[in-house]
PDB file of N, CA and C in Angstrom:
ATOM      1  N   MET A   1       5.154 -10.529   6.102  1.00  0.00           N
ATOM      2  CA  MET A   1       5.418  -9.403   6.975  1.00  0.00           C
ATOM      3  C   MET A   1       4.867  -9.759   8.354  1.00  0.00           C
ATOM      4  N   PRO A   2       5.610  -9.484   9.405  1.00  0.00           N
ATOM      5  CA  PRO A   2       5.132  -9.791  10.754  1.00  0.00           C
ATOM      6  C   PRO A   2       3.849  -9.023  11.099  1.00  0.00           C
ATOM      7  N   GLN A   3       2.971  -9.673  11.818  1.00  0.00           N
ATOM      8  CA  GLN A   3       1.680  -9.084  12.182  1.00  0.00           C
ATOM      9  C   GLN A   3       1.809  -7.715  12.869  1.00  0.00           C
ATOM     10  N   PRO A   4       2.785  -7.495  13.746  1.00  0.00           N
ATOM     11  CA  PRO A   4       2.894  -6.169  14.365  1.00  0.00           C
ATOM     12  C   PRO A   4       3.063  -5.035  13.351  1.00  0.00           C
ATOM     13  N   LEU A   5       3.671  -5.321  12.205  1.00  0.00           N
ATOM     14  CA  LEU A   5       3.798  -4.271  11.191  1.00  0.00           C
ATOM     15  C   LEU A   5       2.458  -3.931  10.559  1.00  0.00           C
ATOM     16  N   TYR A   6       1.599  -4.920  10.365  1.00  0.00           N
ATOM     17  CA  TYR A   6       0.252  -4.627   9.863  1.00  0.00           C
ATOM     18  C   TYR A   6      -0.467  -3.692  10.842  1.00  0.00           C
ATOM     19  N   THR A   7      -0.341  -3.977  12.121  1.00  0.00           N
ATOM     20  CA  THR A   7      -0.959  -3.132  13.147  1.00  0.00           C
ATOM     21  C   THR A   7      -0.381  -1.727  13.104  1.00  0.00           C
ATOM     22  N   PHE A   8       0.929  -1.627  12.992  1.00  0.00           N
ATOM     23  CA  PHE A   8       1.595  -0.324  12.919  1.00  0.00           C
ATOM     24  C   PHE A   8       1.056   0.491  11.743  1.00  0.00           C
ATOM     25  N   PHE A   9       1.023  -0.116  10.561  1.00  0.00           N
ATOM     26  CA  PHE A   9       0.560   0.610   9.380  1.00  0.00           C
ATOM     27  C   PHE A   9      -0.930   0.925   9.454  1.00  0.00           C
ATOM     28  N   ASP A  10      -1.681   0.123  10.177  1.00  0.00           N
ATOM     29  CA  ASP A  10      -3.104   0.386  10.369  1.00  0.00           C
ATOM     30  C   ASP A  10      -3.325   1.578  11.304  1.00  0.00           C
ATOM     31  N   GLU A  11      -2.471   1.715  12.286  1.00  0.00           N
ATOM     32  CA  GLU A  11      -2.651   2.756  13.297  1.00  0.00           C
ATOM     33  C   GLU A  11      -2.032   4.098  12.926  1.00  0.00           C
ATOM     34  N   TYR A  12      -1.062   4.115  12.027  1.00  0.00           N
ATOM     35  CA  TYR A  12      -0.371   5.358  11.687  1.00  0.00           C
ATOM     36  C   TYR A  12      -0.553   5.695  10.218  1.00  0.00           C
ATOM     37  N   ASP A  13      -0.820   6.956   9.949  1.00  0.00           N
ATOM     38  CA  ASP A  13      -0.948   7.459   8.584  1.00  0.00           C
ATOM     39  C   ASP A  13       0.407   8.020   8.172  1.00  0.00           C
ATOM     40  N   LEU A  14       1.034   7.382   7.219  1.00  0.00           N
ATOM     41  CA  LEU A  14       2.355   7.822   6.782  1.00  0.00           C
ATOM     42  C   LEU A  14       2.289   8.571   5.445  1.00  0.00           C
ATOM     43  N   SER A  15       1.136   9.133   5.148  1.00  0.00           N
ATOM     44  CA  SER A  15       0.976   9.919   3.920  1.00  0.00           C
ATOM     45  C   SER A  15       2.036  11.014   3.852  1.00  0.00           C
ATOM     46  N   GLY A  16       2.664  11.126   2.696  1.00  0.00           N
ATOM     47  CA  GLY A  16       3.685  12.147   2.492  1.00  0.00           C
ATOM     48  C   GLY A  16       5.039  11.796   3.076  1.00  0.00           C
ATOM     49  N   LYS A  17       5.145  10.674   3.726  1.00  0.00           N
ATOM     50  CA  LYS A  17       6.414  10.243   4.326  1.00  0.00           C
ATOM     51  C   LYS A  17       7.138   9.294   3.380  1.00  0.00           C
ATOM     52  N   THR A  18       8.420   9.112   3.617  1.00  0.00           N
ATOM     53  CA  THR A  18       9.217   8.140   2.883  1.00  0.00           C
ATOM     54  C   THR A  18       9.476   6.951   3.794  1.00  0.00           C
ATOM     55  N   ILE A  19       9.166   5.769   3.298  1.00  0.00           N
ATOM     56  CA  ILE A  19       9.380   4.532   4.047  1.00  0.00           C
ATOM     57  C   ILE A  19      10.556   3.802   3.401  1.00  0.00           C
ATOM     58  N   ILE A  20      11.570   3.508   4.202  1.00  0.00           N
ATOM     59  CA  ILE A  20      12.771   2.849   3.705  1.00  0.00           C
ATOM     60  C   ILE A  20      12.864   1.472   4.359  1.00  0.00           C
ATOM     61  N   PRO A  21      12.417   0.425   3.661  1.00  0.00           N
ATOM     62  CA  PRO A  21      12.399  -0.909   4.251  1.00  0.00           C
ATOM     63  C   PRO A  21      13.796  -1.509   4.421  1.00  0.00           C
ATOM     64  N   PHE A  22      13.972  -2.216   5.532  1.00  0.00           N
ATOM     65  CA  PHE A  22      15.192  -3.001   5.751  1.00  0.00           C
ATOM     66  C   PHE A  22      14.829  -4.160   6.669  1.00  0.00           C
ATOM     67  N   ASN A  23      15.549  -5.263   6.533  1.00  0.00           N
ATOM     68  CA  ASN A  23      15.272  -6.404   7.394  1.00  0.00           C
ATOM     69  C   ASN A  23      16.416  -7.403   7.388  1.00  0.00           C
ATOM     70  N   SER A  24      16.344  -8.316   8.328  1.00  0.00           N
ATOM     71  CA  SER A  24      17.174  -9.514   8.290  1.00  0.00           C
ATOM     72  C   SER A  24      16.217 -10.676   8.054  1.00  0.00           C
ATOM     73  N   HIS A  25      16.719 -11.745   7.490  1.00  0.00           N
ATOM     74  CA  HIS A  25      15.846 -12.859   7.118  1.00  0.00           C
ATOM     75  C   HIS A  25      16.584 -14.182   7.258  1.00  0.00           C
ATOM     76  N   ASN A  26      15.832 -15.252   7.102  1.00  0.00           N
ATOM     77  CA  ASN A  26      16.392 -16.594   7.143  1.00  0.00           C
ATOM     78  C   ASN A  26      16.177 -17.280   5.800  1.00  0.00           C
ATOM     79  N   GLY A  27      16.248 -16.507   4.733  1.00  0.00           N
ATOM     80  CA  GLY A  27      16.124 -17.051   3.394  1.00  0.00           C
ATOM     81  C   GLY A  27      14.991 -16.479   2.575  1.00  0.00           C
ATOM     82  N   SER A  28      14.076 -15.738   3.200  1.00  0.00           N
ATOM     83  CA  SER A  28      12.904 -15.251   2.478  1.00  0.00           C
ATOM     84  C   SER A  28      13.085 -13.869   1.858  1.00  0.00           C
ATOM     85  N   ARG A  29      14.187 -13.207   2.179  1.00  0.00           N
ATOM     86  CA  ARG A  29      14.424 -11.834   1.729  1.00  0.00           C
ATOM     87  C   ARG A  29      13.227 -10.958   2.111  1.00  0.00           C
ATOM     88  N   PHE A  30      12.676 -10.172   1.171  1.00  0.00           N
ATOM     89  CA  PHE A  30      11.523  -9.325   1.505  1.00  0.00           C
ATOM     90  C   PHE A  30      10.192 -10.042   1.304  1.00  0.00           C
ATOM     91  N   SER A  31      10.180 -11.044   0.471  1.00  0.00           N
ATOM     92  CA  SER A  31       9.005 -11.902   0.327  1.00  0.00           C
ATOM     93  C   SER A  31       7.704 -11.120   0.132  1.00  0.00           C
ATOM     94  N   GLY A  32       7.732 -10.081  -0.705  1.00  0.00           N
ATOM     95  CA  GLY A  32       6.532  -9.305  -0.985  1.00  0.00           C
ATOM     96  C   GLY A  32       6.238  -8.184   0.002  1.00  0.00           C
ATOM     97  N   THR A  33       7.095  -8.009   1.000  1.00  0.00           N
ATOM     98  CA  THR A  33       6.847  -7.006   2.037  1.00  0.00           C
ATOM     99  C   THR A  33       6.793  -5.585   1.476  1.00  0.00           C
ATOM    100  N   ILE A  34       7.686  -5.260   0.567  1.00  0.00           N
ATOM    101  CA  ILE A  34       7.715  -3.892   0.031  1.00  0.00           C
ATOM    102  C   ILE A  34       6.408  -3.586  -0.700  1.00  0.00           C
ATOM    103  N   GLU A  35       5.918  -4.531  -1.476  1.00  0.00           N
ATOM    104  CA  GLU A  35       4.657  -4.338  -2.184  1.00  0.00           C
ATOM    105  C   GLU A  35       3.493  -4.213  -1.197  1.00  0.00           C
ATOM    106  N   THR A  36       3.523  -5.002  -0.136  1.00  0.00           N
ATOM    107  CA  THR A  36       2.473  -4.933   0.878  1.00  0.00           C
ATOM    108  C   THR A  36       2.468  -3.573   1.567  1.00  0.00           C
ATOM    109  N   ILE A  37       3.643  -3.072   1.912  1.00  0.00           N
ATOM    110  CA  ILE A  37       3.739  -1.749   2.544  1.00  0.00           C
ATOM    111  C   ILE A  37       3.173  -0.687   1.602  1.00  0.00           C
ATOM    112  N   ALA A  38       3.531  -0.770   0.329  1.00  0.00           N
ATOM    113  CA  ALA A  38       3.024   0.208  -0.654  1.00  0.00           C
ATOM    114  C   ALA A  38       1.507   0.151  -0.744  1.00  0.00           C
ATOM    115  N   GLU A  39       0.915  -1.026  -0.633  1.00  0.00           N
ATOM    116  CA  GLU A  39      -0.544  -1.153  -0.661  1.00  0.00           C
ATOM    117  C   GLU A  39      -1.173  -0.569   0.607  1.00  0.00           C
ATOM    118  N   LEU A  40      -0.523  -0.795   1.752  1.00  0.00           N
ATOM    119  CA  LEU A  40      -1.070  -0.310   3.022  1.00  0.00           C
ATOM    120  C   LEU A  40      -0.891   1.191   3.201  1.00  0.00           C
ATOM    121  N   GLU A  41       0.121   1.750   2.578  1.00  0.00           N
ATOM    122  CA  GLU A  41       0.426   3.180   2.692  1.00  0.00           C
ATOM    123  C   GLU A  41       0.509   3.792   1.294  1.00  0.00           C
ATOM    124  N   PRO A  42      -0.616   3.868   0.578  1.00  0.00           N
ATOM    125  CA  PRO A  42      -0.587   4.314  -0.820  1.00  0.00           C
ATOM    126  C   PRO A  42      -0.154   5.767  -1.020  1.00  0.00           C
ATOM    127  N   ASP A  43      -0.249   6.585   0.022  1.00  0.00           N
ATOM    128  CA  ASP A  43       0.132   7.991  -0.112  1.00  0.00           C
ATOM    129  C   ASP A  43       1.523   8.281   0.439  1.00  0.00           C
ATOM    130  N   ALA A  44       2.292   7.220   0.698  1.00  0.00           N
ATOM    131  CA  ALA A  44       3.677   7.357   1.136  1.00  0.00           C
ATOM    132  C   ALA A  44       4.592   6.925  -0.006  1.00  0.00           C
ATOM    133  N   GLU A  45       5.810   7.416   0.028  1.00  0.00           N
ATOM    134  CA  GLU A  45       6.818   6.952  -0.927  1.00  0.00           C
ATOM    135  C   GLU A  45       7.524   5.757  -0.291  1.00  0.00           C
ATOM    136  N   VAL A  46       7.451   4.602  -0.921  1.00  0.00           N
ATOM    137  CA  VAL A  46       8.104   3.401  -0.401  1.00  0.00           C
ATOM    138  C   VAL A  46       9.320   3.114  -1.275  1.00  0.00           C
ATOM    139  N   ILE A  47      10.498   3.196  -0.683  1.00  0.00           N
ATOM    140  CA  ILE A  47      11.738   2.920  -1.406  1.00  0.00           C
ATOM    141  C   ILE A  47      11.768   1.439  -1.766  1.00  0.00           C
ATOM    142  N   GLU A  48      11.897   1.141  -3.046  1.00  0.00           N
ATOM    143  CA  GLU A  48      11.878  -0.253  -3.490  1.00  0.00           C
ATOM    144  C   GLU A  48      13.227  -0.935  -3.335  1.00  0.00           C
ATOM    145  N   ASP A  49      14.282  -0.159  -3.179  1.00  0.00           N
ATOM    146  CA  ASP A  49      15.624  -0.718  -3.028  1.00  0.00           C
ATOM    147  C   ASP A  49      15.960  -0.833  -1.545  1.00  0.00           C
ATOM    148  N   GLY A  50      15.147  -1.606  -0.844  1.00  0.00           N
ATOM    149  CA  GLY A  50      15.382  -1.801   0.586  1.00  0.00           C
ATOM    150  C   GLY A  50      16.597  -2.672   0.827  1.00  0.00           C
ATOM    151  N   PHE A  51      17.062  -2.684   2.054  1.00  0.00           N
ATOM    152  CA  PHE A  51      18.225  -3.502   2.409  1.00  0.00           C
ATOM    153  C   PHE A  51      17.756  -4.752   3.133  1.00  0.00           C
ATOM    154  N   THR A  52      18.254  -5.879   2.700  1.00  0.00           N
ATOM    155  CA  THR A  52      17.941  -7.142   3.348  1.00  0.00           C
ATOM    156  C   THR A  52      19.218  -7.963   3.471  1.00  0.00           C
ATOM    157  N   VAL A  53      19.343  -8.637   4.598  1.00  0.00           N
ATOM    158  CA  VAL A  53      20.548  -9.435   4.854  1.00  0.00           C
ATOM    159  C   VAL A  53      20.141 -10.729   5.553  1.00  0.00           C
ATOM    160  N   ASN A  54      20.768 -11.810   5.166  1.00  0.00           N
ATOM    161  CA  ASN A  54      20.517 -13.077   5.827  1.00  0.00           C
ATOM    162  C   ASN A  54      20.975 -12.984   7.271  1.00  0.00           C
ATOM    163  N   GLU A  55      20.215 -13.578   8.175  1.00  0.00           N
ATOM    164  CA  GLU A  55      20.529 -13.490   9.606  1.00  0.00           C
ATOM    165  C   GLU A  55      21.939 -13.983   9.931  1.00  0.00           C
ATOM    166  N   ARG A  56      22.467 -14.910   9.155  1.00  0.00           N
ATOM    167  CA  ARG A  56      23.825 -15.414   9.403  1.00  0.00           C
ATOM    168  C   ARG A  56      24.894 -14.392   9.032  1.00  0.00           C
ATOM    169  N   ASP A  57      24.534 -13.437   8.176  1.00  0.00           N
ATOM    170  CA  ASP A  57      25.503 -12.457   7.699  1.00  0.00           C
ATOM    171  C   ASP A  57      25.445 -11.124   8.433  1.00  0.00           C
ATOM    172  N   VAL A  58      24.529 -10.991   9.366  1.00  0.00           N
ATOM    173  CA  VAL A  58      24.355  -9.725  10.088  1.00  0.00           C
ATOM    174  C   VAL A  58      25.652  -9.237  10.742  1.00  0.00           C
ATOM    175  N   PRO A  59      26.421 -10.110  11.413  1.00  0.00           N
ATOM    176  CA  PRO A  59      27.636  -9.609  12.072  1.00  0.00           C
ATOM    177  C   PRO A  59      28.638  -8.955  11.117  1.00  0.00           C
ATOM    178  N   ASP A  60      28.586  -9.316   9.843  1.00  0.00           N
ATOM    179  CA  ASP A  60      29.544  -8.776   8.872  1.00  0.00           C
ATOM    180  C   ASP A  60      28.913  -7.775   7.911  1.00  0.00           C
ATOM    181  N   ALA A  61      27.727  -7.287   8.213  1.00  0.00           N
ATOM    182  CA  ALA A  61      26.975  -6.466   7.264  1.00  0.00           C
ATOM    183  C   ALA A  61      27.181  -4.969   7.403  1.00  0.00           C
ATOM    184  N   ALA A  62      27.963  -4.523   8.369  1.00  0.00           N
ATOM    185  CA  ALA A  62      28.094  -3.080   8.611  1.00  0.00           C
ATOM    186  C   ALA A  62      28.532  -2.315   7.364  1.00  0.00           C
ATOM    187  N   GLY A  63      29.484  -2.820   6.649  1.00  0.00           N
ATOM    188  CA  GLY A  63      29.958  -2.142   5.440  1.00  0.00           C
ATOM    189  C   GLY A  63      28.890  -2.078   4.363  1.00  0.00           C
ATOM    190  N   ASP A  64      28.160  -3.179   4.188  1.00  0.00           N
ATOM    191  CA  ASP A  64      27.082  -3.210   3.196  1.00  0.00           C
ATOM    192  C   ASP A  64      25.969  -2.236   3.570  1.00  0.00           C
ATOM    193  N   ILE A  65      25.664  -2.160   4.850  1.00  0.00           N
ATOM    194  CA  ILE A  65      24.633  -1.226   5.321  1.00  0.00           C
ATOM    195  C   ILE A  65      25.077   0.207   5.084  1.00  0.00           C
ATOM    196  N   ALA A  66      26.325   0.511   5.402  1.00  0.00           N
ATOM    197  CA  ALA A  66      26.851   1.859   5.188  1.00  0.00           C
ATOM    198  C   ALA A  66      26.808   2.232   3.714  1.00  0.00           C
ATOM    199  N   ASP A  67      27.179   1.297   2.836  1.00  0.00           N
ATOM    200  CA  ASP A  67      27.137   1.560   1.393  1.00  0.00           C
ATOM    201  C   ASP A  67      25.707   1.810   0.930  1.00  0.00           C
ATOM    202  N   TRP A  68      24.762   1.010   1.430  1.00  0.00           N
ATOM    203  CA  TRP A  68      23.354   1.163   1.058  1.00  0.00           C
ATOM    204  C   TRP A  68      22.830   2.528   1.508  1.00  0.00           C
ATOM    205  N   LEU A  69      23.121   2.907   2.749  1.00  0.00           N
ATOM    206  CA  LEU A  69      22.686   4.203   3.248  1.00  0.00           C
ATOM    207  C   LEU A  69      23.313   5.350   2.463  1.00  0.00           C
ATOM    208  N   GLU A  70      24.575   5.221   2.134  1.00  0.00           N
ATOM    209  CA  GLU A  70      25.243   6.253   1.334  1.00  0.00           C
ATOM    210  C   GLU A  70      24.575   6.384  -0.031  1.00  0.00           C
ATOM    211  N   GLY A  71      24.217   5.251  -0.620  1.00  0.00           N
ATOM    212  CA  GLY A  71      23.527   5.275  -1.907  1.00  0.00           C
ATOM    213  C   GLY A  71      22.170   5.957  -1.835  1.00  0.00           C
ATOM    214  N   LEU A  72      21.554   5.917  -0.655  1.00  0.00           N
ATOM    215  CA  LEU A  72      20.282   6.604  -0.451  1.00  0.00           C
ATOM    216  C   LEU A  72      20.470   8.083  -0.096  1.00  0.00           C
ATOM    217  N   GLY A  73      21.716   8.476   0.118  1.00  0.00           N
ATOM    218  CA  GLY A  73      21.994   9.862   0.456  1.00  0.00           C
ATOM    219  C   GLY A  73      22.073  10.151   1.940  1.00  0.00           C
ATOM    220  N   TYR A  74      22.287   9.107   2.755  1.00  0.00           N
ATOM    221  CA  TYR A  74      22.373   9.284   4.216  1.00  0.00           C
ATOM    222  C   TYR A  74      23.763   8.995   4.702  1.00  0.00           C
TER     223      TYR A  74
END
C-alpha cells in the first residue's frame, strides 16, 4: 500500500464508515492492501470484493467498473 494511504488512515477515523477499495496495478493486484486497511480501520466495514485492474487494461475497464459498482448497489 502506498505510504500516503498509511498517513491518511492514521489521520482520519473511519469508524462506522464503509471503505470500498479499488486500484490499478502493474501485476500485484491488492497485494494484502484490503487486509491492511481492515487492520488500520478496525471499526470500519471494509468491502473485501474490491475492484482491481491492470494498468494496461484501464482504458477498456469502464464496463467492468460499472458492473462492479452495480453489484455493490451503486
